[in-house]
Amino acid sequence: MDKNYDITVEQLKALLQKEEQINLIDVREEHEYEDDNLGGILIPLGEIPDRLDELEGMKGQEIYIHCRSGARSARAKSFIISHGFENVHNVLGGIIAFRDL
């Protein structure tokens, strides 16, 4: 199986309910993060290239990326993978789908 598969919001919710530490990255803008915060680390998509070093400690671990709808997080996932990361997962549907759970 591909190490960089996407996950559903239901799968993310199940991970969050386990109350275990996960590497969750939110690539929305700060004002969006304030409205709906799932507890992830806020790194807006445009800042990913300059803040990639903040993710170095997560290399080799599972990383989950979400945004508003799944589009920005898909771009962030591709960028992060292109810099040698594996086990990077986009949350399909983003916070919009998560709200509907």
PDB file of N, CA and C in Angstrom:
ATOM      1  N   MET A   1       0.851  -1.196   0.000  1.00  0.00           N
ATOM      2  CA  MET A   1       0.000   0.000   0.000  1.00  0.00           C
ATOM      3  C   MET A   1       0.890   1.251   0.000  1.00  0.00           C
ATOM      4  N   ASP A   2       0.428   2.254  -0.676  1.00  0.00           N
ATOM      5  CA  ASP A   2       1.129   3.535  -0.719  1.00  0.00           C
ATOM      6  C   ASP A   2       1.264   4.089   0.698  1.00  0.00           C
ATOM      7  N   LYS A   3       2.441   4.520   1.061  1.00  0.00           N
ATOM      8  CA  LYS A   3       2.671   5.090   2.391  1.00  0.00           C
ATOM      9  C   LYS A   3       2.032   6.462   2.549  1.00  0.00           C
ATOM     10  N   ASN A   4       1.682   7.099   1.453  1.00  0.00           N
ATOM     11  CA  ASN A   4       1.174   8.467   1.486  1.00  0.00           C
ATOM     12  C   ASN A   4      -0.299   8.520   1.073  1.00  0.00           C
ATOM     13  N   TYR A   5      -1.084   7.621   1.635  1.00  0.00           N
ATOM     14  CA  TYR A   5      -2.506   7.557   1.293  1.00  0.00           C
ATOM     15  C   TYR A   5      -3.285   8.698   1.956  1.00  0.00           C
ATOM     16  N   ASP A   6      -4.472   8.960   1.421  1.00  0.00           N
ATOM     17  CA  ASP A   6      -5.364   9.961   1.999  1.00  0.00           C
ATOM     18  C   ASP A   6      -6.276   9.285   3.015  1.00  0.00           C
ATOM     19  N   ILE A   7      -6.807  10.070   3.947  1.00  0.00           N
ATOM     20  CA  ILE A   7      -7.749   9.532   4.926  1.00  0.00           C
ATOM     21  C   ILE A   7      -9.035  10.360   4.896  1.00  0.00           C
ATOM     22  N   THR A   8     -10.084   9.780   5.439  1.00  0.00           N
ATOM     23  CA  THR A   8     -11.370  10.471   5.518  1.00  0.00           C
ATOM     24  C   THR A   8     -11.453  11.237   6.840  1.00  0.00           C
ATOM     25  N   VAL A   9     -12.423  12.122   6.925  1.00  0.00           N
ATOM     26  CA  VAL A   9     -12.625  12.855   8.180  1.00  0.00           C
ATOM     27  C   VAL A   9     -13.065  11.900   9.290  1.00  0.00           C
ATOM     28  N   GLU A  10     -13.764  10.823   8.922  1.00  0.00           N
ATOM     29  CA  GLU A  10     -14.157   9.823   9.921  1.00  0.00           C
ATOM     30  C   GLU A  10     -12.929   9.149  10.520  1.00  0.00           C
ATOM     31  N   GLN A  11     -11.950   8.846   9.669  1.00  0.00           N
ATOM     32  CA  GLN A  11     -10.709   8.243  10.166  1.00  0.00           C
ATOM     33  C   GLN A  11      -9.946   9.220  11.056  1.00  0.00           C
ATOM     34  N   LEU A  12      -9.924  10.500  10.665  1.00  0.00           N
ATOM     35  CA  LEU A  12      -9.263  11.509  11.505  1.00  0.00           C
ATOM     36  C   LEU A  12      -9.967  11.619  12.850  1.00  0.00           C
ATOM     37  N   LYS A  13     -11.281  11.647  12.843  1.00  0.00           N
ATOM     38  CA  LYS A  13     -12.027  11.747  14.096  1.00  0.00           C
ATOM     39  C   LYS A  13     -11.706  10.569  15.013  1.00  0.00           C
ATOM     40  N   ALA A  14     -11.618   9.376  14.456  1.00  0.00           N
ATOM     41  CA  ALA A  14     -11.276   8.198  15.246  1.00  0.00           C
ATOM     42  C   ALA A  14      -9.885   8.340  15.859  1.00  0.00           C
ATOM     43  N   LEU A  15      -8.935   8.870  15.093  1.00  0.00           N
ATOM     44  CA  LEU A  15      -7.584   9.094  15.624  1.00  0.00           C
ATOM     45  C   LEU A  15      -7.610  10.109  16.766  1.00  0.00           C
ATOM     46  N   LEU A  16      -8.355  11.187  16.579  1.00  0.00           N
ATOM     47  CA  LEU A  16      -8.427  12.229  17.613  1.00  0.00           C
ATOM     48  C   LEU A  16      -9.116  11.716  18.874  1.00  0.00           C
ATOM     49  N   GLN A  17     -10.093  10.844  18.725  1.00  0.00           N
ATOM     50  CA  GLN A  17     -10.818  10.325  19.883  1.00  0.00           C
ATOM     51  C   GLN A  17      -9.971   9.379  20.729  1.00  0.00           C
ATOM     52  N   LYS A  18      -8.929   8.817  20.138  1.00  0.00           N
ATOM     53  CA  LYS A  18      -8.027   7.942  20.893  1.00  0.00           C
ATOM     54  C   LYS A  18      -7.214   8.719  21.917  1.00  0.00           C
ATOM     55  N   GLU A  19      -7.199  10.032  21.761  1.00  0.00           N
ATOM     56  CA  GLU A  19      -6.467  10.928  22.657  1.00  0.00           C
ATOM     57  C   GLU A  19      -4.982  10.600  22.726  1.00  0.00           C
ATOM     58  N   GLU A  20      -4.448  10.077  21.627  1.00  0.00           N
ATOM     59  CA  GLU A  20      -3.013   9.848  21.514  1.00  0.00           C
ATOM     60  C   GLU A  20      -2.428  11.002  20.718  1.00  0.00           C
ATOM     61  N   GLN A  21      -1.175  11.265  20.917  1.00  0.00           N
ATOM     62  CA  GLN A  21      -0.493  12.331  20.184  1.00  0.00           C
ATOM     63  C   GLN A  21      -0.371  11.941  18.715  1.00  0.00           C
ATOM     64  N   ILE A  22      -0.868  12.805  17.827  1.00  0.00           N
ATOM     65  CA  ILE A  22      -0.661  12.598  16.392  1.00  0.00           C
ATOM     66  C   ILE A  22      -0.058  13.873  15.808  1.00  0.00           C
ATOM     67  N   ASN A  23       0.608  13.730  14.690  1.00  0.00           N
ATOM     68  CA  ASN A  23       1.185  14.872  13.986  1.00  0.00           C
ATOM     69  C   ASN A  23       0.144  15.414  13.030  1.00  0.00           C
ATOM     70  N   LEU A  24      -0.613  16.410  13.484  1.00  0.00           N
ATOM     71  CA  LEU A  24      -1.671  17.018  12.688  1.00  0.00           C
ATOM     72  C   LEU A  24      -1.248  18.429  12.312  1.00  0.00           C
ATOM     73  N   ILE A  25      -1.184  18.681  11.010  1.00  0.00           N
ATOM     74  CA  ILE A  25      -0.782  19.987  10.499  1.00  0.00           C
ATOM     75  C   ILE A  25      -1.994  20.638   9.838  1.00  0.00           C
ATOM     76  N   ASP A  26      -2.273  21.867  10.223  1.00  0.00           N
ATOM     77  CA  ASP A  26      -3.380  22.648   9.667  1.00  0.00           C
ATOM     78  C   ASP A  26      -2.766  23.694   8.744  1.00  0.00           C
ATOM     79  N   VAL A  27      -3.090  23.621   7.450  1.00  0.00           N
ATOM     80  CA  VAL A  27      -2.465  24.537   6.494  1.00  0.00           C
ATOM     81  C   VAL A  27      -3.393  25.686   6.083  1.00  0.00           C
ATOM     82  N   ARG A  28      -4.407  25.950   6.890  1.00  0.00           N
ATOM     83  CA  ARG A  28      -5.291  27.090   6.629  1.00  0.00           C
ATOM     84  C   ARG A  28      -4.633  28.370   7.153  1.00  0.00           C
ATOM     85  N   GLU A  29      -5.320  29.471   6.964  1.00  0.00           N
ATOM     86  CA  GLU A  29      -4.836  30.756   7.468  1.00  0.00           C
ATOM     87  C   GLU A  29      -5.246  30.918   8.935  1.00  0.00           C
ATOM     88  N   GLU A  30      -4.586  31.835   9.629  1.00  0.00           N
ATOM     89  CA  GLU A  30      -4.802  32.011  11.056  1.00  0.00           C
ATOM     90  C   GLU A  30      -6.270  32.292  11.401  1.00  0.00           C
ATOM     91  N   HIS A  31      -6.953  33.146  10.630  1.00  0.00           N
ATOM     92  CA  HIS A  31      -8.349  33.450  10.939  1.00  0.00           C
ATOM     93  C   HIS A  31      -9.246  32.222  10.791  1.00  0.00           C
ATOM     94  N   GLU A  32      -8.908  31.303   9.889  1.00  0.00           N
ATOM     95  CA  GLU A  32      -9.676  30.068   9.734  1.00  0.00           C
ATOM     96  C   GLU A  32      -9.421  29.132  10.914  1.00  0.00           C
ATOM     97  N   TYR A  33      -8.195  29.097  11.351  1.00  0.00           N
ATOM     98  CA  TYR A  33      -7.774  28.254  12.467  1.00  0.00           C
ATOM     99  C   TYR A  33      -8.504  28.651  13.745  1.00  0.00           C
ATOM    100  N   GLU A  34      -8.682  29.949  13.944  1.00  0.00           N
ATOM    101  CA  GLU A  34      -9.374  30.443  15.134  1.00  0.00           C
ATOM    102  C   GLU A  34     -10.830  30.001  15.157  1.00  0.00           C
ATOM    103  N   ASP A  35     -11.459  29.877  13.988  1.00  0.00           N
ATOM    104  CA  ASP A  35     -12.864  29.476  13.904  1.00  0.00           C
ATOM    105  C   ASP A  35     -13.062  27.992  14.201  1.00  0.00           C
ATOM    106  N   ASP A  36     -12.195  27.149  13.689  1.00  0.00           N
ATOM    107  CA  ASP A  36     -12.280  25.691  13.851  1.00  0.00           C
ATOM    108  C   ASP A  36     -10.888  25.145  14.094  1.00  0.00           C
ATOM    109  N   ASN A  37     -10.566  24.826  15.318  1.00  0.00           N
ATOM    110  CA  ASN A  37      -9.237  24.346  15.669  1.00  0.00           C
ATOM    111  C   ASN A  37      -9.340  22.901  16.138  1.00  0.00           C
ATOM    112  N   LEU A  38      -8.717  21.990  15.404  1.00  0.00           N
ATOM    113  CA  LEU A  38      -8.718  20.575  15.785  1.00  0.00           C
ATOM    114  C   LEU A  38      -7.501  20.208  16.622  1.00  0.00           C
ATOM    115  N   GLY A  39      -6.715  21.206  16.991  1.00  0.00           N
ATOM    116  CA  GLY A  39      -5.544  20.945  17.821  1.00  0.00           C
ATOM    117  C   GLY A  39      -4.270  20.708  17.045  1.00  0.00           C
ATOM    118  N   GLY A  40      -4.310  20.933  15.743  1.00  0.00           N
ATOM    119  CA  GLY A  40      -3.118  20.738  14.938  1.00  0.00           C
ATOM    120  C   GLY A  40      -2.178  21.931  15.017  1.00  0.00           C
ATOM    121  N   ILE A  41      -1.006  21.746  14.446  1.00  0.00           N
ATOM    122  CA  ILE A  41      -0.020  22.814  14.358  1.00  0.00           C
ATOM    123  C   ILE A  41      -0.376  23.668  13.153  1.00  0.00           C
ATOM    124  N   LEU A  42      -0.533  24.963  13.351  1.00  0.00           N
ATOM    125  CA  LEU A  42      -0.879  25.858  12.255  1.00  0.00           C
ATOM    126  C   LEU A  42       0.370  26.257  11.479  1.00  0.00           C
ATOM    127  N   ILE A  43       0.417  25.825  10.215  1.00  0.00           N
ATOM    128  CA  ILE A  43       1.448  26.262   9.276  1.00  0.00           C
ATOM    129  C   ILE A  43       0.717  26.550   7.963  1.00  0.00           C
ATOM    130  N   PRO A  44       0.310  27.795   7.728  1.00  0.00           N
ATOM    131  CA  PRO A  44      -0.401  28.114   6.487  1.00  0.00           C
ATOM    132  C   PRO A  44       0.373  27.625   5.262  1.00  0.00           C
ATOM    133  N   LEU A  45      -0.367  27.199   4.251  1.00  0.00           N
ATOM    134  CA  LEU A  45       0.235  26.613   3.056  1.00  0.00           C
ATOM    135  C   LEU A  45       1.386  27.447   2.510  1.00  0.00           C
ATOM    136  N   GLY A  46       1.216  28.754   2.418  1.00  0.00           N
ATOM    137  CA  GLY A  46       2.256  29.615   1.866  1.00  0.00           C
ATOM    138  C   GLY A  46       3.526  29.661   2.701  1.00  0.00           C
ATOM    139  N   GLU A  47       3.444  29.231   3.958  1.00  0.00           N
ATOM    140  CA  GLU A  47       4.616  29.247   4.841  1.00  0.00           C
ATOM    141  C   GLU A  47       5.341  27.906   4.902  1.00  0.00           C
ATOM    142  N   ILE A  48       4.756  26.867   4.314  1.00  0.00           N
ATOM    143  CA  ILE A  48       5.353  25.526   4.386  1.00  0.00           C
ATOM    144  C   ILE A  48       6.814  25.518   3.917  1.00  0.00           C
ATOM    145  N   PRO A  49       7.142  26.108   2.755  1.00  0.00           N
ATOM    146  CA  PRO A  49       8.544  26.047   2.318  1.00  0.00           C
ATOM    147  C   PRO A  49       9.528  26.648   3.328  1.00  0.00           C
ATOM    148  N   ASP A  50       9.147  27.736   3.974  1.00  0.00           N
ATOM    149  CA  ASP A  50      10.039  28.399   4.925  1.00  0.00           C
ATOM    150  C   ASP A  50      10.041  27.741   6.301  1.00  0.00           C
ATOM    151  N   ARG A  51       9.061  26.878   6.566  1.00  0.00           N
ATOM    152  CA  ARG A  51       8.950  26.275   7.895  1.00  0.00           C
ATOM    153  C   ARG A  51       9.111  24.756   7.866  1.00  0.00           C
ATOM    154  N   LEU A  52       9.606  24.239   6.752  1.00  0.00           N
ATOM    155  CA  LEU A  52       9.776  22.800   6.594  1.00  0.00           C
ATOM    156  C   LEU A  52      10.659  22.206   7.687  1.00  0.00           C
ATOM    157  N   ASP A  53      11.619  22.997   8.155  1.00  0.00           N
ATOM    158  CA  ASP A  53      12.511  22.515   9.217  1.00  0.00           C
ATOM    159  C   ASP A  53      11.748  22.167  10.499  1.00  0.00           C
ATOM    160  N   GLU A  54      10.586  22.784  10.709  1.00  0.00           N
ATOM    161  CA  GLU A  54       9.771  22.480  11.894  1.00  0.00           C
ATOM    162  C   GLU A  54       9.195  21.061  11.832  1.00  0.00           C
ATOM    163  N   LEU A  55       9.139  20.505  10.639  1.00  0.00           N
ATOM    164  CA  LEU A  55       8.583  19.161  10.468  1.00  0.00           C
ATOM    165  C   LEU A  55       9.656  18.072  10.497  1.00  0.00           C
ATOM    166  N   GLU A  56      10.916  18.450  10.474  1.00  0.00           N
ATOM    167  CA  GLU A  56      12.014  17.477  10.405  1.00  0.00           C
ATOM    168  C   GLU A  56      11.918  16.406  11.492  1.00  0.00           C
ATOM    169  N   GLY A  57      11.520  16.783  12.677  1.00  0.00           N
ATOM    170  CA  GLY A  57      11.392  15.823  13.776  1.00  0.00           C
ATOM    171  C   GLY A  57      10.288  14.809  13.564  1.00  0.00           C
ATOM    172  N   MET A  58       9.426  15.060  12.591  1.00  0.00           N
ATOM    173  CA  MET A  58       8.316  14.149  12.287  1.00  0.00           C
ATOM    174  C   MET A  58       8.667  13.187  11.154  1.00  0.00           C
ATOM    175  N   LYS A  59       9.827  13.347  10.555  1.00  0.00           N
ATOM    176  CA  LYS A  59      10.227  12.492   9.436  1.00  0.00           C
ATOM    177  C   LYS A  59      10.186  11.035   9.884  1.00  0.00           C
ATOM    178  N   GLY A  60       9.545  10.193   9.079  1.00  0.00           N
ATOM    179  CA  GLY A  60       9.411   8.777   9.410  1.00  0.00           C
ATOM    180  C   GLY A  60       8.173   8.472  10.237  1.00  0.00           C
ATOM    181  N   GLN A  61       7.509   9.505  10.739  1.00  0.00           N
ATOM    182  CA  GLN A  61       6.280   9.326  11.508  1.00  0.00           C
ATOM    183  C   GLN A  61       5.076   9.634  10.618  1.00  0.00           C
ATOM    184  N   GLU A  62       3.899   9.239  11.078  1.00  0.00           N
ATOM    185  CA  GLU A  62       2.670   9.571  10.365  1.00  0.00           C
ATOM    186  C   GLU A  62       2.421  11.075  10.513  1.00  0.00           C
ATOM    187  N   ILE A  63       2.119  11.742   9.404  1.00  0.00           N
ATOM    188  CA  ILE A  63       1.776  13.159   9.404  1.00  0.00           C
ATOM    189  C   ILE A  63       0.429  13.306   8.704  1.00  0.00           C
ATOM    190  N   TYR A  64      -0.507  13.970   9.363  1.00  0.00           N
ATOM    191  CA  TYR A  64      -1.844  14.192   8.816  1.00  0.00           C
ATOM    192  C   TYR A  64      -1.988  15.686   8.548  1.00  0.00           C
ATOM    193  N   ILE A  65      -2.455  16.027   7.342  1.00  0.00           N
ATOM    194  CA  ILE A  65      -2.563  17.431   6.956  1.00  0.00           C
ATOM    195  C   ILE A  65      -4.014  17.733   6.598  1.00  0.00           C
ATOM    196  N   HIS A  66      -4.531  18.838   7.139  1.00  0.00           N
ATOM    197  CA  HIS A  66      -5.894  19.217   6.785  1.00  0.00           C
ATOM    198  C   HIS A  66      -5.992  20.708   6.511  1.00  0.00           C
ATOM    199  N   CYS A  67      -7.070  21.063   5.821  1.00  0.00           N
ATOM    200  CA  CYS A  67      -7.357  22.459   5.505  1.00  0.00           C
ATOM    201  C   CYS A  67      -8.874  22.631   5.484  1.00  0.00           C
ATOM    202  N   ARG A  68      -9.360  23.567   4.731  1.00  0.00           N
ATOM    203  CA  ARG A  68     -10.799  23.829   4.679  1.00  0.00           C
ATOM    204  C   ARG A  68     -11.545  22.737   3.912  1.00  0.00           C
ATOM    205  N   SER A  69     -11.031  22.375   2.722  1.00  0.00           N
ATOM    206  CA  SER A  69     -11.758  21.422   1.878  1.00  0.00           C
ATOM    207  C   SER A  69     -10.930  20.228   1.414  1.00  0.00           C
ATOM    208  N   GLY A  70      -9.642  20.271   1.628  1.00  0.00           N
ATOM    209  CA  GLY A  70      -8.759  19.195   1.191  1.00  0.00           C
ATOM    210  C   GLY A  70      -7.840  19.581   0.050  1.00  0.00           C
ATOM    211  N   ALA A  71      -8.072  20.738  -0.578  1.00  0.00           N
ATOM    212  CA  ALA A  71      -7.252  21.153  -1.729  1.00  0.00           C
ATOM    213  C   ALA A  71      -5.879  21.661  -1.295  1.00  0.00           C
ATOM    214  N   ARG A  72      -5.843  22.585  -0.339  1.00  0.00           N
ATOM    215  CA  ARG A  72      -4.547  23.116   0.124  1.00  0.00           C
ATOM    216  C   ARG A  72      -3.727  22.026   0.796  1.00  0.00           C
ATOM    217  N   SER A  73      -4.388  21.175   1.543  1.00  0.00           N
ATOM    218  CA  SER A  73      -3.656  20.105   2.227  1.00  0.00           C
ATOM    219  C   SER A  73      -3.089  19.101   1.220  1.00  0.00           C
ATOM    220  N   ALA A  74      -3.778  18.890   0.099  1.00  0.00           N
ATOM    221  CA  ALA A  74      -3.245  18.012  -0.952  1.00  0.00           C
ATOM    222  C   ALA A  74      -1.969  18.609  -1.542  1.00  0.00           C
ATOM    223  N   ARG A  75      -1.960  19.921  -1.749  1.00  0.00           N
ATOM    224  CA  ARG A  75      -0.749  20.593  -2.268  1.00  0.00           C
ATOM    225  C   ARG A  75       0.376  20.524  -1.238  1.00  0.00           C
ATOM    226  N   ALA A  76       0.041  20.735   0.031  1.00  0.00           N
ATOM    227  CA  ALA A  76       1.059  20.658   1.088  1.00  0.00           C
ATOM    228  C   ALA A  76       1.630  19.249   1.169  1.00  0.00           C
ATOM    229  N   LYS A  77       0.771  18.258   1.078  1.00  0.00           N
ATOM    230  CA  LYS A  77       1.206  16.855   1.110  1.00  0.00           C
ATOM    231  C   LYS A  77       2.223  16.600  -0.003  1.00  0.00           C
ATOM    232  N   SER A  78       1.899  17.008  -1.230  1.00  0.00           N
ATOM    233  CA  SER A  78       2.806  16.797  -2.370  1.00  0.00           C
ATOM    234  C   SER A  78       4.148  17.478  -2.148  1.00  0.00           C
ATOM    235  N   PHE A  79       4.111  18.705  -1.636  1.00  0.00           N
ATOM    236  CA  PHE A  79       5.344  19.454  -1.398  1.00  0.00           C
ATOM    237  C   PHE A  79       6.205  18.755  -0.335  1.00  0.00           C
ATOM    238  N   ILE A  80       5.580  18.362   0.752  1.00  0.00           N
ATOM    239  CA  ILE A  80       6.317  17.720   1.847  1.00  0.00           C
ATOM    240  C   ILE A  80       6.923  16.393   1.388  1.00  0.00           C
ATOM    241  N   ILE A  81       6.157  15.616   0.633  1.00  0.00           N
ATOM    242  CA  ILE A  81       6.673  14.349   0.101  1.00  0.00           C
ATOM    243  C   ILE A  81       7.862  14.598  -0.810  1.00  0.00           C
ATOM    244  N   SER A  82       7.793  15.665  -1.608  1.00  0.00           N
ATOM    245  CA  SER A  82       8.886  15.971  -2.539  1.00  0.00           C
ATOM    246  C   SER A  82      10.178  16.345  -1.806  1.00  0.00           C
ATOM    247  N   HIS A  83      10.069  16.582  -0.497  1.00  0.00           N
ATOM    248  CA  HIS A  83      11.251  16.899   0.311  1.00  0.00           C
ATOM    249  C   HIS A  83      11.656  15.739   1.215  1.00  0.00           C
ATOM    250  N   GLY A  84      11.310  14.529   0.800  1.00  0.00           N
ATOM    251  CA  GLY A  84      11.824  13.336   1.463  1.00  0.00           C
ATOM    252  C   GLY A  84      10.989  12.773   2.598  1.00  0.00           C
ATOM    253  N   PHE A  85       9.811  13.278   2.812  1.00  0.00           N
ATOM    254  CA  PHE A  85       8.950  12.749   3.862  1.00  0.00           C
ATOM    255  C   PHE A  85       8.114  11.597   3.319  1.00  0.00           C
ATOM    256  N   GLU A  86       7.803  10.636   4.185  1.00  0.00           N
ATOM    257  CA  GLU A  86       6.901   9.544   3.863  1.00  0.00           C
ATOM    258  C   GLU A  86       5.838   9.487   4.943  1.00  0.00           C
ATOM    259  N   ASN A  87       4.795   8.713   4.696  1.00  0.00           N
ATOM    260  CA  ASN A  87       3.693   8.566   5.653  1.00  0.00           C
ATOM    261  C   ASN A  87       2.971   9.894   5.868  1.00  0.00           C
ATOM    262  N   VAL A  88       2.737  10.612   4.764  1.00  0.00           N
ATOM    263  CA  VAL A  88       2.060  11.908   4.794  1.00  0.00           C
ATOM    264  C   VAL A  88       0.645  11.700   4.243  1.00  0.00           C
ATOM    265  N   HIS A  89      -0.354  12.112   5.013  1.00  0.00           N
ATOM    266  CA  HIS A  89      -1.742  11.823   4.676  1.00  0.00           C
ATOM    267  C   HIS A  89      -2.585  13.094   4.615  1.00  0.00           C
ATOM    268  N   ASN A  90      -3.293  13.261   3.506  1.00  0.00           N
ATOM    269  CA  ASN A  90      -4.227  14.364   3.339  1.00  0.00           C
ATOM    270  C   ASN A  90      -5.575  13.939   3.912  1.00  0.00           C
ATOM    271  N   VAL A  91      -6.250  14.854   4.617  1.00  0.00           N
ATOM    272  CA  VAL A  91      -7.592  14.595   5.130  1.00  0.00           C
ATOM    273  C   VAL A  91      -8.589  15.072   4.074  1.00  0.00           C
ATOM    274  N   LEU A  92      -9.242  14.126   3.424  1.00  0.00           N
ATOM    275  CA  LEU A  92     -10.188  14.434   2.352  1.00  0.00           C
ATOM    276  C   LEU A  92     -11.397  15.183   2.892  1.00  0.00           C
ATOM    277  N   GLY A  93     -11.768  16.250   2.220  1.00  0.00           N
ATOM    278  CA  GLY A  93     -12.950  17.031   2.619  1.00  0.00           C
ATOM    279  C   GLY A  93     -12.670  18.108   3.634  1.00  0.00           C
ATOM    280  N   GLY A  94     -11.533  18.028   4.314  1.00  0.00           N
ATOM    281  CA  GLY A  94     -11.107  19.055   5.256  1.00  0.00           C
ATOM    282  C   GLY A  94     -12.111  19.361   6.356  1.00  0.00           C
ATOM    283  N   ILE A  95     -11.980  20.563   6.906  1.00  0.00           N
ATOM    284  CA  ILE A  95     -12.796  20.974   8.046  1.00  0.00           C
ATOM    285  C   ILE A  95     -14.273  21.062   7.670  1.00  0.00           C
ATOM    286  N   ILE A  96     -14.574  21.345   6.406  1.00  0.00           N
ATOM    287  CA  ILE A  96     -15.972  21.393   5.969  1.00  0.00           C
ATOM    288  C   ILE A  96     -16.641  20.037   6.202  1.00  0.00           C
ATOM    289  N   ALA A  97     -16.001  18.975   5.773  1.00  0.00           N
ATOM    290  CA  ALA A  97     -16.544  17.631   5.966  1.00  0.00           C
ATOM    291  C   ALA A  97     -16.522  17.238   7.439  1.00  0.00           C
ATOM    292  N   PHE A  98     -15.493  17.665   8.167  1.00  0.00           N
ATOM    293  CA  PHE A  98     -15.373  17.317   9.587  1.00  0.00           C
ATOM    294  C   PHE A  98     -16.541  17.912  10.378  1.00  0.00           C
ATOM    295  N   ARG A  99     -16.951  19.113  10.030  1.00  0.00           N
ATOM    296  CA  ARG A  99     -18.086  19.781  10.721  1.00  0.00           C
ATOM    297  C   ARG A  99     -19.375  18.975  10.582  1.00  0.00           C
ATOM    298  N   ASP A 100     -19.521  18.248   9.475  1.00  0.00           N
ATOM    299  CA  ASP A 100     -20.749  17.496   9.202  1.00  0.00           C
ATOM    300  C   ASP A 100     -20.820  16.165   9.933  1.00  0.00           C
ATOM    301  N   LEU A 101     -19.791  15.811  10.671  1.00  0.00           N
ATOM    302  CA  LEU A 101     -19.801  14.520  11.388  1.00  0.00           C
ATOM    303  C   LEU A 101     -20.770  14.572  12.569  1.00  0.00           C
TER     304      LEU A 101
END
